Amino acid sequence: MRSLQGNIVLITGAGGGFGQAMIRQFLQEGCQLVLADLSRDKILQAVEYVTATPGDRALTGKILGFIAADLANPVRSEALYRQCLAITPRVDMLINNAGIACFGRLADVPQERWEQLMQINLLAPMRLTAKFLPDMIARRSGYIVNISSVAGLIGVPGLSSYCTSKFGLRGFGEALAAELTPYGIGVTNIYPYFARTPILQAERFGSMSLPAPPDQMLYDPEFVIAKLIKGIREQKLHIYPGAIPQLIDCLQRLAPWALPLVLRPSRSRRKRSAATKNSVKRS
């Protein structure tokens, strides 16, 4: 069982929904955090919220510093790495959490938009990991965490670039784990379903509709991150937080033909629900 007490952890995308839950729960574990996001203000808002609502456990860790970095720019990954080293000479755990989404048929999404997505979601994690790995290998200790998605398990219409980035993270993590086992460095990939985070309001292009999942199917970020921490403690490579990711992974591997049958009823229920609401409005 891996201990997190005193670990120095770099979290990208720290101002987002998962990032905010990470700040709280890793502080509760006694970690020392370096927090990175697009803007310093976004990080400070997240920290202010967490410290104002610490939860049912004391925040025994501490925050070492903040870094503003636009990871869509390759140069900023190098800058983030150097700024992090100026704050702390050692990073025990890198959490590749920063990510964006966009929805629409690939032909409708501007190329610069899906290229930006690939830079942030996939290439930045690879760049940052490559920067921090030599020191981890020299120390023969360290940990890499990749926040993938169920969109890294199954292709979803309208999310082609997002799925590509998350499939890429899955393969990246699997290959890294095989490479790094001899050096005592752990790797964890996590595959959340839709959660109550700002990514649900991702930019949309074209006329293709994306049915919103029912509220009761959305996961709480705190639940997802609790599963992540448990998986890191147990040094699991793959974490499927909740029944829906577990079902999708199982069907995709064992009975991929059944996935449309499982997903179709939920779409039908949403259509019936929408029709009922429209009928009420008209009446």
Protein backbone atom coordinates (compact mmCIF):
# COMPACT_ATOMS: atom_id res chain seq x y z
CA MET A 1 0.00 0.00 0.00
CA ARG A 2 1.54 3.30 -1.10
CA SER A 3 1.63 6.18 1.41
CA LEU A 4 0.87 9.70 0.14
CA GLN A 5 1.90 11.51 3.33
CA GLY A 6 4.47 14.20 2.50
CA ASN A 7 4.47 13.51 -1.26
CA ILE A 8 5.19 16.56 -3.43
CA VAL A 9 2.47 16.56 -6.10
CA LEU A 10 2.17 18.70 -9.24
CA ILE A 11 -1.44 19.01 -10.43
CA THR A 12 -2.22 20.54 -13.82
CA GLY A 13 -5.72 21.86 -14.45
CA ALA A 14 -5.93 22.54 -10.71
CA GLY A 15 -8.65 25.17 -11.05
CA GLY A 16 -11.21 22.85 -12.67
CA GLY A 17 -13.82 20.53 -11.18
CA PHE A 18 -11.53 17.52 -10.74
CA GLY A 19 -8.64 19.82 -9.84
CA GLN A 20 -10.59 21.37 -7.00
CA ALA A 21 -11.45 17.93 -5.60
CA MET A 22 -7.79 16.93 -5.94
CA ILE A 23 -6.63 19.96 -3.97
CA ARG A 24 -8.94 19.10 -1.08
CA GLN A 25 -8.29 15.37 -0.97
CA PHE A 26 -4.53 15.45 -1.53
CA LEU A 27 -4.22 18.10 1.21
CA GLN A 28 -6.26 15.79 3.43
CA GLU A 29 -3.69 13.08 2.66
CA GLY A 30 -0.89 15.35 3.88
CA CYS A 31 0.61 16.07 0.45
CA GLN A 32 2.54 19.18 -0.57
CA LEU A 33 1.05 20.64 -3.74
CA VAL A 34 2.24 22.67 -6.69
CA LEU A 35 -0.84 23.85 -8.61
CA ALA A 36 -0.90 24.78 -12.30
CA ASP A 37 -3.68 26.10 -14.52
CA LEU A 38 -4.28 28.58 -17.31
CA SER A 39 -4.53 31.52 -14.90
CA ARG A 40 -3.35 32.16 -11.37
CA ASP A 41 -6.76 33.64 -10.47
CA LYS A 42 -8.49 30.38 -11.39
CA ILE A 43 -6.20 28.44 -9.04
CA LEU A 44 -6.66 30.95 -6.22
CA GLN A 45 -10.44 30.72 -6.53
CA ALA A 46 -10.26 26.92 -6.26
CA VAL A 47 -7.96 27.09 -3.23
CA GLU A 48 -10.19 29.70 -1.57
CA TYR A 49 -13.22 27.45 -2.03
CA VAL A 50 -11.42 24.37 -0.71
CA THR A 51 -10.08 26.12 2.38
CA ALA A 52 -13.52 27.59 3.09
CA THR A 53 -15.15 24.13 2.79
CA PRO A 54 -12.46 21.67 3.90
CA GLY A 55 -14.82 18.73 4.29
CA ASP A 56 -14.90 16.23 7.12
CA ARG A 57 -11.11 15.74 7.31
CA ALA A 58 -8.41 18.23 8.25
CA LEU A 59 -6.24 19.69 5.47
CA THR A 60 -2.91 18.52 6.88
CA GLY A 61 -0.87 19.13 3.74
CA LYS A 62 0.27 22.45 2.33
CA ILE A 63 0.45 24.34 -0.94
CA LEU A 64 3.96 25.15 -2.10
CA GLY A 65 3.15 27.38 -5.08
CA PHE A 66 1.04 28.34 -8.08
CA ILE A 67 1.98 28.34 -11.76
CA ALA A 68 0.01 29.94 -14.60
CA ALA A 69 0.64 28.03 -17.83
CA ASP A 70 -1.12 27.73 -21.18
CA LEU A 71 -0.36 24.11 -22.06
CA ALA A 72 -1.67 24.57 -25.60
CA ASN A 73 1.68 26.27 -26.20
CA PRO A 74 4.55 23.73 -26.28
CA VAL A 75 6.98 26.32 -24.89
CA ARG A 76 4.84 26.69 -21.77
CA SER A 77 5.40 23.04 -20.79
CA GLU A 78 9.12 23.75 -20.56
CA ALA A 79 8.40 26.96 -18.62
CA LEU A 80 6.06 25.11 -16.23
CA TYR A 81 8.75 22.51 -15.59
CA ARG A 82 11.37 25.15 -14.78
CA GLN A 83 8.98 27.15 -12.59
CA CYS A 84 8.11 24.00 -10.69
CA LEU A 85 11.80 23.25 -10.07
CA ALA A 86 12.20 26.80 -8.74
CA ILE A 87 9.46 26.02 -6.18
CA THR A 88 10.67 22.52 -5.26
CA PRO A 89 13.68 20.51 -6.42
CA ARG A 90 11.69 17.27 -6.31
CA VAL A 91 8.30 16.14 -7.62
CA ASP A 92 7.08 12.78 -6.35
CA MET A 93 3.88 12.69 -8.38
CA LEU A 94 2.79 14.34 -11.62
CA ILE A 95 -0.97 14.45 -12.21
CA ASN A 96 -1.81 15.16 -15.86
CA ASN A 97 -5.29 16.55 -15.25
CA ALA A 98 -5.54 19.59 -17.54
CA GLY A 99 -7.96 19.02 -20.39
CA ILE A 100 -10.55 20.63 -22.64
CA ALA A 101 -13.34 19.29 -24.85
CA CYS A 102 -15.27 20.37 -27.91
CA PHE A 103 -18.25 18.76 -29.58
CA GLY A 104 -19.21 18.40 -33.23
CA ARG A 105 -18.47 16.41 -36.36
CA LEU A 106 -14.78 16.59 -37.17
CA ALA A 107 -15.60 18.39 -40.42
CA ASP A 108 -17.43 21.10 -38.43
CA VAL A 109 -14.75 21.71 -35.79
CA PRO A 110 -12.08 24.25 -36.84
CA GLN A 111 -8.70 22.60 -37.22
CA GLU A 112 -7.02 25.04 -34.85
CA ARG A 113 -9.56 24.06 -32.19
CA TRP A 114 -9.00 20.29 -32.32
CA GLU A 115 -5.24 20.81 -32.61
CA GLN A 116 -5.38 22.95 -29.45
CA LEU A 117 -7.29 20.13 -27.75
CA MET A 118 -4.63 17.59 -28.73
CA GLN A 119 -1.87 19.87 -27.44
CA ILE A 120 -3.50 20.22 -24.01
CA ASN A 121 -5.02 16.77 -23.53
CA LEU A 122 -2.28 14.53 -24.93
CA LEU A 123 0.93 16.26 -25.99
CA ALA A 124 1.31 18.38 -22.83
CA PRO A 125 1.08 15.31 -20.54
CA MET A 126 3.70 13.59 -22.68
CA ARG A 127 5.99 16.64 -22.62
CA LEU A 128 5.68 17.13 -18.86
CA THR A 129 6.17 13.45 -18.13
CA ALA A 130 9.31 13.42 -20.29
CA LYS A 131 10.64 16.40 -18.31
CA PHE A 132 10.10 14.93 -14.86
CA LEU A 133 10.96 11.29 -15.60
CA PRO A 134 14.78 11.52 -15.68
CA ASP A 135 14.90 12.67 -12.05
CA MET A 136 12.33 10.04 -11.01
CA ILE A 137 14.37 7.34 -12.75
CA ALA A 138 17.55 8.55 -11.06
CA ARG A 139 15.80 8.38 -7.65
CA ARG A 140 14.02 5.14 -8.58
CA SER A 141 10.78 6.51 -7.23
CA GLY A 142 7.89 8.59 -8.53
CA TYR A 143 4.37 8.39 -9.85
CA ILE A 144 2.55 9.48 -13.02
CA VAL A 145 -1.24 9.90 -13.10
CA ASN A 146 -3.21 10.42 -16.32
CA ILE A 147 -6.83 11.58 -16.21
CA SER A 148 -8.35 9.79 -19.18
CA SER A 149 -12.10 9.20 -19.63
CA VAL A 150 -14.65 6.61 -20.71
CA ALA A 151 -14.08 8.43 -24.03
CA GLY A 152 -10.71 6.69 -23.90
CA LEU A 153 -12.51 3.34 -23.88
CA ILE A 154 -15.18 3.83 -26.55
CA GLY A 155 -15.50 6.13 -29.56
CA VAL A 156 -18.34 8.63 -29.22
CA PRO A 157 -19.85 10.44 -32.25
CA GLY A 158 -19.18 14.16 -32.05
CA LEU A 159 -16.18 13.68 -29.76
CA SER A 160 -13.64 12.37 -32.27
CA SER A 161 -10.75 14.64 -31.21
CA TYR A 162 -11.55 14.27 -27.51
CA CYS A 163 -11.73 10.48 -27.82
CA THR A 164 -8.45 10.45 -29.74
CA SER A 165 -6.71 12.35 -26.95
CA LYS A 166 -8.13 10.12 -24.22
CA PHE A 167 -7.42 6.88 -26.14
CA GLY A 168 -3.89 8.26 -26.50
CA LEU A 169 -3.55 8.81 -22.76
CA ARG A 170 -4.66 5.24 -22.15
CA GLY A 171 -1.98 3.84 -24.45
CA PHE A 172 0.59 6.28 -23.09
CA GLY A 173 -0.04 5.15 -19.53
CA GLU A 174 0.03 1.44 -20.40
CA ALA A 175 3.35 1.76 -22.27
CA LEU A 176 4.86 3.94 -19.53
CA ALA A 177 3.92 1.41 -16.86
CA ALA A 178 5.75 -1.34 -18.75
CA GLU A 179 8.81 0.89 -19.24
CA LEU A 180 9.00 2.20 -15.68
CA THR A 181 8.32 -0.89 -13.57
CA PRO A 182 12.06 -1.71 -13.27
CA TYR A 183 12.65 1.76 -11.79
CA GLY A 184 9.99 1.60 -9.10
CA ILE A 185 7.87 4.31 -10.74
CA GLY A 186 4.11 3.82 -10.70
CA VAL A 187 1.54 4.79 -13.32
CA THR A 188 -2.22 5.15 -12.95
CA ASN A 189 -4.86 5.91 -15.60
CA ILE A 190 -8.41 6.76 -14.52
CA TYR A 191 -11.50 6.65 -16.77
CA PRO A 192 -14.33 8.79 -15.35
CA TYR A 193 -17.82 8.98 -16.85
CA PHE A 194 -19.52 12.39 -17.12
CA ALA A 195 -19.05 14.34 -13.90
CA ARG A 196 -20.34 17.66 -12.60
CA THR A 197 -17.48 19.75 -13.97
CA PRO A 198 -17.28 22.74 -16.35
CA ILE A 199 -16.27 20.44 -19.21
CA LEU A 200 -19.99 19.66 -19.65
CA GLN A 201 -20.33 23.18 -21.08
CA ALA A 202 -17.70 22.52 -23.75
CA GLU A 203 -17.87 24.52 -26.98
CA ARG A 204 -20.06 23.02 -29.71
CA PHE A 205 -19.75 23.26 -33.48
CA GLY A 206 -22.19 22.44 -36.27
CA SER A 207 -25.71 21.12 -35.94
CA MET A 208 -25.03 17.70 -34.43
CA SER A 209 -26.85 17.31 -31.11
CA LEU A 210 -25.25 15.91 -27.97
CA PRO A 211 -27.90 14.64 -25.54
CA ALA A 212 -27.02 15.63 -21.99
CA PRO A 213 -26.80 12.69 -19.59
CA PRO A 214 -29.52 12.66 -16.92
CA ASP A 215 -28.45 14.36 -13.71
CA GLN A 216 -28.73 11.09 -11.78
CA MET A 217 -26.07 9.57 -14.06
CA LEU A 218 -23.53 12.33 -13.41
CA TYR A 219 -20.73 11.56 -10.97
CA ASP A 220 -19.53 13.87 -8.21
CA PRO A 221 -15.87 14.91 -8.70
CA GLU A 222 -15.18 14.16 -5.03
CA PHE A 223 -16.27 10.54 -5.58
CA VAL A 224 -14.05 10.19 -8.67
CA ILE A 225 -10.97 11.60 -6.92
CA ALA A 226 -11.57 9.43 -3.84
CA LYS A 227 -11.46 6.41 -6.18
CA LEU A 228 -8.30 7.81 -7.77
CA ILE A 229 -6.50 8.15 -4.43
CA LYS A 230 -7.55 4.64 -3.40
CA GLY A 231 -6.23 3.32 -6.71
CA ILE A 232 -2.92 5.16 -6.30
CA ARG A 233 -2.53 3.70 -2.82
CA GLU A 234 -3.08 0.24 -4.30
CA GLN A 235 -0.84 1.14 -7.28
CA LYS A 236 -3.46 0.18 -9.85
CA LEU A 237 -2.73 0.90 -13.49
CA HIS A 238 -6.40 1.25 -14.51
CA ILE A 239 -9.19 2.74 -12.39
CA TYR A 240 -12.86 2.66 -13.43
CA PRO A 241 -14.63 4.92 -10.91
CA GLY A 242 -18.22 3.76 -10.63
CA ALA A 243 -20.59 1.27 -12.20
CA ILE A 244 -20.90 2.99 -15.60
CA PRO A 245 -17.16 3.06 -16.45
CA GLN A 246 -16.86 -0.53 -15.22
CA LEU A 247 -19.77 -1.65 -17.41
CA ILE A 248 -18.47 0.18 -20.50
CA ASP A 249 -14.98 -1.29 -20.07
CA CYS A 250 -16.35 -4.79 -19.57
CA LEU A 251 -18.67 -4.65 -22.58
CA GLN A 252 -16.06 -3.03 -24.81
CA ARG A 253 -13.64 -5.86 -24.07
CA LEU A 254 -16.03 -8.82 -23.92
CA ALA A 255 -19.16 -7.90 -25.89
CA PRO A 256 -18.69 -4.69 -27.90
CA TRP A 257 -21.77 -5.53 -29.98
CA ALA A 258 -23.89 -5.05 -26.82
CA LEU A 259 -22.85 -1.45 -26.16
CA PRO A 260 -25.36 0.13 -28.59
CA LEU A 261 -28.12 -2.01 -27.06
CA VAL A 262 -27.22 -0.79 -23.57
CA LEU A 263 -26.89 2.86 -24.56
CA ARG A 264 -29.96 3.01 -26.84
CA PRO A 265 -32.57 2.82 -24.04
CA SER A 266 -31.04 5.78 -22.23
CA ARG A 267 -31.22 7.83 -25.44
CA SER A 268 -34.84 6.77 -25.91
CA ARG A 269 -35.67 7.75 -22.35
CA ARG A 270 -34.13 11.17 -22.91
CA LYS A 271 -36.16 11.62 -26.10
CA ARG A 272 -39.35 10.61 -24.30
CA SER A 273 -38.50 12.95 -21.44
CA ALA A 274 -37.86 15.83 -23.84
CA ALA A 275 -41.11 15.11 -25.70
CA THR A 276 -43.04 15.11 -22.42
CA LYS A 277 -41.51 18.42 -21.39
CA ASN A 278 -42.35 19.99 -24.78
CA SER A 279 -45.90 18.69 -24.51
CA VAL A 280 -46.27 20.27 -21.08
CA LYS A 281 -44.91 23.56 -22.36
CA ARG A 282 -47.32 23.59 -25.30
CA SER A 283 -50.28 22.86 -23.04
